[in-house]
């Protein structure tokens, strides 16, 4: 029996980056009635906690290298991160298909909130890079119309809402990538900072 060759840290990192490239959302600049401005792929489940009360939220994400970014609206996950920046996240390919190789990724690390107040240039750059200003405008227009807003009031409503959001930057300290083979065997790869 021959020993299975264990890939080095650089090879594991490349496998993780390849998975993130195929899983992360990307900007969509095509126009259409049913287009929001983003190409959706695999969702990320973000786990935060405060006072031993966990919270899990499914979210779209982007990445730069191993760092993941999420545009988060104010709420429980943002409040939890402010009190406890330790996070865990999970991404898996959907739909599950046992006839092909499929992957999942589990990440342990810390979260940082990037806002219009604490890092305005970076916040605006990420909005533009990932087309999130257009996505948010597309999603918020119907809400503004339901509120009876018109003209400048619509624009002001959308800007205020976007500026109330935070980019959540997830910096990993430990990543586990699993490959599920059609024969039901599994390969496991670990990366640590």
C-alpha atoms as a PDB file:
ATOM      1  CA  UNK A   1       0.000   0.000   0.000  1.00  0.00           C
ATOM      2  CA  UNK A   2       1.457   3.357  -1.008  1.00  0.00           C
ATOM      3  CA  UNK A   3       1.109   6.399   1.191  1.00  0.00           C
ATOM      4  CA  UNK A   4      -1.089   9.170  -0.126  1.00  0.00           C
ATOM      5  CA  UNK A   5       0.939  12.280  -0.982  1.00  0.00           C
ATOM      6  CA  UNK A   6      -0.058  15.235   1.198  1.00  0.00           C
ATOM      7  CA  UNK A   7      -0.018  18.525  -0.734  1.00  0.00           C
ATOM      8  CA  UNK A   8       2.032  21.409   0.677  1.00  0.00           C
ATOM      9  CA  UNK A   9       0.614  24.654   2.061  1.00  0.00           C
ATOM     10  CA  UNK A  10       0.870  26.472  -1.300  1.00  0.00           C
ATOM     11  CA  UNK A  11      -0.987  23.668  -3.116  1.00  0.00           C
ATOM     12  CA  UNK A  12      -3.744  23.626  -0.476  1.00  0.00           C
ATOM     13  CA  UNK A  13      -4.063  27.417  -0.716  1.00  0.00           C
ATOM     14  CA  UNK A  14      -4.420  27.129  -4.507  1.00  0.00           C
ATOM     15  CA  UNK A  15      -7.190  24.515  -4.113  1.00  0.00           C
ATOM     16  CA  UNK A  16      -9.002  26.846  -1.698  1.00  0.00           C
ATOM     17  CA  UNK A  17      -8.635  29.847  -4.023  1.00  0.00           C
ATOM     18  CA  UNK A  18      -9.915  27.808  -6.985  1.00  0.00           C
ATOM     19  CA  UNK A  19     -12.978  26.841  -4.934  1.00  0.00           C
ATOM     20  CA  UNK A  20     -13.567  30.472  -3.881  1.00  0.00           C
ATOM     21  CA  UNK A  21     -13.226  31.647  -7.503  1.00  0.00           C
ATOM     22  CA  UNK A  22     -16.014  29.245  -8.519  1.00  0.00           C
ATOM     23  CA  UNK A  23     -18.181  29.920  -5.444  1.00  0.00           C
ATOM     24  CA  UNK A  24     -18.070  33.687  -4.849  1.00  0.00           C
ATOM     25  CA  UNK A  25     -20.600  36.061  -6.368  1.00  0.00           C
ATOM     26  CA  UNK A  26     -19.419  38.255  -9.240  1.00  0.00           C
ATOM     27  CA  UNK A  27     -20.682  41.533 -10.703  1.00  0.00           C
ATOM     28  CA  UNK A  28     -23.229  41.249 -13.522  1.00  0.00           C
ATOM     29  CA  UNK A  29     -23.356  44.300 -15.766  1.00  0.00           C
ATOM     30  CA  UNK A  30     -25.968  42.863 -18.148  1.00  0.00           C
ATOM     31  CA  UNK A  31     -29.372  44.523 -18.117  1.00  0.00           C
ATOM     32  CA  UNK A  32     -32.678  42.694 -17.860  1.00  0.00           C
ATOM     33  CA  UNK A  33     -35.958  42.604 -16.001  1.00  0.00           C
ATOM     34  CA  UNK A  34     -34.818  39.759 -13.757  1.00  0.00           C
ATOM     35  CA  UNK A  35     -31.183  40.799 -13.268  1.00  0.00           C
ATOM     36  CA  UNK A  36     -30.075  42.435 -10.013  1.00  0.00           C
ATOM     37  CA  UNK A  37     -26.459  43.261 -10.924  1.00  0.00           C
ATOM     38  CA  UNK A  38     -24.866  40.186  -9.358  1.00  0.00           C
ATOM     39  CA  UNK A  39     -24.167  36.666 -10.571  1.00  0.00           C
ATOM     40  CA  UNK A  40     -25.238  34.436  -7.680  1.00  0.00           C
ATOM     41  CA  UNK A  41     -23.286  31.284  -6.949  1.00  0.00           C
ATOM     42  CA  UNK A  42     -22.843  29.358  -3.706  1.00  0.00           C
ATOM     43  CA  UNK A  43     -24.029  31.046  -0.523  1.00  0.00           C
ATOM     44  CA  UNK A  44     -21.931  31.319   2.599  1.00  0.00           C
ATOM     45  CA  UNK A  45     -23.359  30.568   6.038  1.00  0.00           C
ATOM     46  CA  UNK A  46     -21.843  32.983   8.560  1.00  0.00           C
ATOM     47  CA  UNK A  47     -21.909  32.002  12.236  1.00  0.00           C
ATOM     48  CA  UNK A  48     -21.516  34.708  14.870  1.00  0.00           C
ATOM     49  CA  UNK A  49     -22.243  34.622  18.581  1.00  0.00           C
ATOM     50  CA  UNK A  50     -22.755  36.743  21.660  1.00  0.00           C
ATOM     51  CA  UNK A  51     -23.096  35.470  25.247  1.00  0.00           C
ATOM     52  CA  UNK A  52     -23.073  31.867  23.999  1.00  0.00           C
ATOM     53  CA  UNK A  53     -26.063  32.488  21.730  1.00  0.00           C
ATOM     54  CA  UNK A  54     -25.067  31.502  18.158  1.00  0.00           C
ATOM     55  CA  UNK A  55     -26.546  33.049  15.038  1.00  0.00           C
ATOM     56  CA  UNK A  56     -26.184  31.639  11.500  1.00  0.00           C
ATOM     57  CA  UNK A  57     -27.028  33.653   8.387  1.00  0.00           C
ATOM     58  CA  UNK A  58     -26.851  32.628   4.707  1.00  0.00           C
ATOM     59  CA  UNK A  59     -25.213  35.382   2.640  1.00  0.00           C
ATOM     60  CA  UNK A  60     -23.697  36.216  -0.735  1.00  0.00           C
ATOM     61  CA  UNK A  61     -19.944  36.795  -0.595  1.00  0.00           C
ATOM     62  CA  UNK A  62     -16.979  38.050  -2.585  1.00  0.00           C
ATOM     63  CA  UNK A  63     -13.309  37.362  -2.033  1.00  0.00           C
ATOM     64  CA  UNK A  64      -9.870  38.887  -2.399  1.00  0.00           C
ATOM     65  CA  UNK A  65      -7.393  36.102  -1.894  1.00  0.00           C
ATOM     66  CA  UNK A  66      -8.439  34.197   1.213  1.00  0.00           C
ATOM     67  CA  UNK A  67     -10.256  37.202   2.709  1.00  0.00           C
ATOM     68  CA  UNK A  68     -14.025  37.080   2.214  1.00  0.00           C
ATOM     69  CA  UNK A  69     -16.318  40.116   2.006  1.00  0.00           C
ATOM     70  CA  UNK A  70     -20.053  40.368   2.645  1.00  0.00           C
ATOM     71  CA  UNK A  71     -22.261  43.444   2.419  1.00  0.00           C
ATOM     72  CA  UNK A  72     -24.343  43.283   5.571  1.00  0.00           C
ATOM     73  CA  UNK A  73     -27.394  45.307   6.520  1.00  0.00           C
ATOM     74  CA  UNK A  74     -27.736  46.401  10.157  1.00  0.00           C
ATOM     75  CA  UNK A  75     -28.990  43.616  12.382  1.00  0.00           C
ATOM     76  CA  UNK A  76     -28.030  40.760  14.672  1.00  0.00           C
ATOM     77  CA  UNK A  77     -24.925  39.601  12.812  1.00  0.00           C
ATOM     78  CA  UNK A  78     -23.430  43.121  12.795  1.00  0.00           C
ATOM     79  CA  UNK A  79     -24.241  43.583  16.505  1.00  0.00           C
ATOM     80  CA  UNK A  80     -22.649  40.210  17.304  1.00  0.00           C
ATOM     81  CA  UNK A  81     -19.467  41.051  15.363  1.00  0.00           C
ATOM     82  CA  UNK A  82     -19.129  44.368  17.221  1.00  0.00           C
ATOM     83  CA  UNK A  83     -19.207  42.442  20.521  1.00  0.00           C
ATOM     84  CA  UNK A  84     -17.338  39.316  19.405  1.00  0.00           C
ATOM     85  CA  UNK A  85     -15.317  39.345  16.162  1.00  0.00           C
ATOM     86  CA  UNK A  86     -14.666  35.569  16.219  1.00  0.00           C
ATOM     87  CA  UNK A  87     -16.580  33.881  13.413  1.00  0.00           C
ATOM     88  CA  UNK A  88     -16.987  30.648  11.534  1.00  0.00           C
ATOM     89  CA  UNK A  89     -18.272  30.318   7.979  1.00  0.00           C
ATOM     90  CA  UNK A  90     -19.272  27.443   5.717  1.00  0.00           C
ATOM     91  CA  UNK A  91     -19.655  27.217   1.928  1.00  0.00           C
ATOM     92  CA  UNK A  92     -20.749  24.151  -0.003  1.00  0.00           C
ATOM     93  CA  UNK A  93     -21.571  23.463  -3.623  1.00  0.00           C
ATOM     94  CA  UNK A  94     -25.225  23.145  -4.517  1.00  0.00           C
ATOM     95  CA  UNK A  95     -27.146  21.214  -5.559  1.00  0.00           C
ATOM     96  CA  UNK A  96     -25.633  18.094  -4.011  1.00  0.00           C
ATOM     97  CA  UNK A  97     -24.784  15.592  -6.752  1.00  0.00           C
ATOM     98  CA  UNK A  98     -23.095  12.356  -5.705  1.00  0.00           C
ATOM     99  CA  UNK A  99     -22.093  11.540  -9.301  1.00  0.00           C
ATOM    100  CA  UNK A 100     -19.410  14.289  -9.398  1.00  0.00           C
ATOM    101  CA  UNK A 101     -16.635  15.599  -7.153  1.00  0.00           C
ATOM    102  CA  UNK A 102     -18.086  18.275  -4.861  1.00  0.00           C
ATOM    103  CA  UNK A 103     -16.429  20.521  -2.322  1.00  0.00           C
ATOM    104  CA  UNK A 104     -17.135  22.371   0.887  1.00  0.00           C
ATOM    105  CA  UNK A 105     -15.116  24.880   2.843  1.00  0.00           C
ATOM    106  CA  UNK A 106     -15.173  25.651   6.539  1.00  0.00           C
ATOM    107  CA  UNK A 107     -13.449  28.800   7.757  1.00  0.00           C
ATOM    108  CA  UNK A 108     -12.518  29.965  11.256  1.00  0.00           C
ATOM    109  CA  UNK A 109     -11.301  33.514  11.778  1.00  0.00           C
ATOM    110  CA  UNK A 110     -12.176  37.061  12.697  1.00  0.00           C
ATOM    111  CA  UNK A 111     -14.514  39.653  11.251  1.00  0.00           C
ATOM    112  CA  UNK A 112     -13.900  43.351  10.728  1.00  0.00           C
ATOM    113  CA  UNK A 113     -16.600  45.883   9.883  1.00  0.00           C
ATOM    114  CA  UNK A 114     -15.791  48.335   7.094  1.00  0.00           C
ATOM    115  CA  UNK A 115     -18.245  51.228   7.035  1.00  0.00           C
ATOM    116  CA  UNK A 116     -18.703  54.588   5.356  1.00  0.00           C
ATOM    117  CA  UNK A 117     -17.744  56.129   8.720  1.00  0.00           C
ATOM    118  CA  UNK A 118     -14.583  54.216   9.630  1.00  0.00           C
ATOM    119  CA  UNK A 119     -13.080  53.543   6.146  1.00  0.00           C
ATOM    120  CA  UNK A 120     -15.019  55.595   3.555  1.00  0.00           C
ATOM    121  CA  UNK A 121     -12.604  55.128   0.639  1.00  0.00           C
ATOM    122  CA  UNK A 122     -12.389  51.353   1.107  1.00  0.00           C
ATOM    123  CA  UNK A 123     -16.164  51.076   1.593  1.00  0.00           C
ATOM    124  CA  UNK A 124     -16.863  52.975  -1.652  1.00  0.00           C
ATOM    125  CA  UNK A 125     -14.158  51.058  -3.546  1.00  0.00           C
ATOM    126  CA  UNK A 126     -15.691  47.697  -2.576  1.00  0.00           C
ATOM    127  CA  UNK A 127     -19.196  48.933  -3.484  1.00  0.00           C
ATOM    128  CA  UNK A 128     -17.955  49.868  -6.949  1.00  0.00           C
ATOM    129  CA  UNK A 129     -15.696  46.828  -7.457  1.00  0.00           C
ATOM    130  CA  UNK A 130     -18.506  44.358  -6.830  1.00  0.00           C
ATOM    131  CA  UNK A 131     -21.310  46.470  -8.365  1.00  0.00           C
ATOM    132  CA  UNK A 132     -23.110  46.526  -5.022  1.00  0.00           C
ATOM    133  CA  UNK A 133     -24.283  50.112  -5.435  1.00  0.00           C
ATOM    134  CA  UNK A 134     -26.242  48.996  -8.535  1.00  0.00           C
ATOM    135  CA  UNK A 135     -27.471  45.824  -6.804  1.00  0.00           C
ATOM    136  CA  UNK A 136     -28.711  47.740  -3.767  1.00  0.00           C
ATOM    137  CA  UNK A 137     -30.367  50.377  -5.986  1.00  0.00           C
ATOM    138  CA  UNK A 138     -32.173  47.626  -7.931  1.00  0.00           C
ATOM    139  CA  UNK A 139     -33.368  45.980  -4.704  1.00  0.00           C
ATOM    140  CA  UNK A 140     -34.337  49.215  -2.929  1.00  0.00           C
ATOM    141  CA  UNK A 141     -36.259  50.943  -5.741  1.00  0.00           C
ATOM    142  CA  UNK A 142     -39.469  48.929  -5.169  1.00  0.00           C
ATOM    143  CA  UNK A 143     -39.272  49.673  -1.427  1.00  0.00           C
ATOM    144  CA  UNK A 144     -38.870  53.398  -2.105  1.00  0.00           C
ATOM    145  CA  UNK A 145     -41.861  53.283  -4.457  1.00  0.00           C
ATOM    146  CA  UNK A 146     -43.967  51.452  -1.844  1.00  0.00           C
ATOM    147  CA  UNK A 147     -43.122  54.265   0.578  1.00  0.00           C
ATOM    148  CA  UNK A 148     -44.407  56.776  -1.988  1.00  0.00           C
ATOM    149  CA  UNK A 149     -41.000  58.406  -2.472  1.00  0.00           C
ATOM    150  CA  UNK A 150     -40.217  60.282  -5.690  1.00  0.00           C
ATOM    151  CA  UNK A 151     -37.260  62.050  -7.324  1.00  0.00           C
ATOM    152  CA  UNK A 152     -34.459  63.122  -4.972  1.00  0.00           C
ATOM    153  CA  UNK A 153     -36.207  61.443  -2.027  1.00  0.00           C
ATOM    154  CA  UNK A 154     -35.695  58.045  -3.719  1.00  0.00           C
ATOM    155  CA  UNK A 155     -31.995  58.736  -4.273  1.00  0.00           C
ATOM    156  CA  UNK A 156     -31.570  59.972  -0.679  1.00  0.00           C
ATOM    157  CA  UNK A 157     -33.367  56.903   0.711  1.00  0.00           C
ATOM    158  CA  UNK A 158     -31.116  54.548  -1.271  1.00  0.00           C
ATOM    159  CA  UNK A 159     -27.915  56.383  -0.313  1.00  0.00           C
ATOM    160  CA  UNK A 160     -28.864  56.448   3.391  1.00  0.00           C
ATOM    161  CA  UNK A 161     -29.673  52.727   3.323  1.00  0.00           C
ATOM    162  CA  UNK A 162     -26.429  51.769   1.561  1.00  0.00           C
ATOM    163  CA  UNK A 163     -24.413  53.937   3.942  1.00  0.00           C
ATOM    164  CA  UNK A 164     -26.045  52.188   6.921  1.00  0.00           C
ATOM    165  CA  UNK A 165     -24.564  48.878   5.707  1.00  0.00           C
ATOM    166  CA  UNK A 166     -21.174  47.411   6.537  1.00  0.00           C
ATOM    167  CA  UNK A 167     -18.780  45.328   4.528  1.00  0.00           C
ATOM    168  CA  UNK A 168     -17.914  42.387   6.741  1.00  0.00           C
ATOM    169  CA  UNK A 169     -14.333  41.315   6.057  1.00  0.00           C
ATOM    170  CA  UNK A 170     -13.660  37.732   7.152  1.00  0.00           C
ATOM    171  CA  UNK A 171      -9.977  37.047   7.746  1.00  0.00           C
ATOM    172  CA  UNK A 172      -9.321  33.316   8.079  1.00  0.00           C
ATOM    173  CA  UNK A 173      -6.939  31.774  10.588  1.00  0.00           C
ATOM    174  CA  UNK A 174      -7.852  28.191   9.721  1.00  0.00           C
ATOM    175  CA  UNK A 175      -9.579  26.730   6.653  1.00  0.00           C
ATOM    176  CA  UNK A 176     -10.720  23.159   6.015  1.00  0.00           C
ATOM    177  CA  UNK A 177     -11.518  22.179   2.421  1.00  0.00           C
ATOM    178  CA  UNK A 178     -13.280  18.862   1.855  1.00  0.00           C
ATOM    179  CA  UNK A 179     -13.704  17.054  -1.454  1.00  0.00           C
ATOM    180  CA  UNK A 180     -16.517  14.515  -1.640  1.00  0.00           C
ATOM    181  CA  UNK A 181     -15.813  11.894  -4.298  1.00  0.00           C
ATOM    182  CA  UNK A 182     -18.451   9.944  -6.280  1.00  0.00           C
ATOM    183  CA  UNK A 183     -17.277   6.747  -4.530  1.00  0.00           C
ATOM    184  CA  UNK A 184     -18.239   8.406  -1.195  1.00  0.00           C
ATOM    185  CA  UNK A 185     -14.629   8.792  -0.089  1.00  0.00           C
ATOM    186  CA  UNK A 186     -13.469  12.191   1.084  1.00  0.00           C
ATOM    187  CA  UNK A 187     -10.261  14.205   0.830  1.00  0.00           C
ATOM    188  CA  UNK A 188      -9.570  16.760   3.559  1.00  0.00           C
ATOM    189  CA  UNK A 189      -7.121  19.658   3.240  1.00  0.00           C
ATOM    190  CA  UNK A 190      -6.219  22.162   5.966  1.00  0.00           C
ATOM    191  CA  UNK A 191      -4.671  25.593   5.715  1.00  0.00           C
ATOM    192  CA  UNK A 192      -3.537  27.597   8.745  1.00  0.00           C
ATOM    193  CA  UNK A 193      -2.195  31.137   8.854  1.00  0.00           C
END
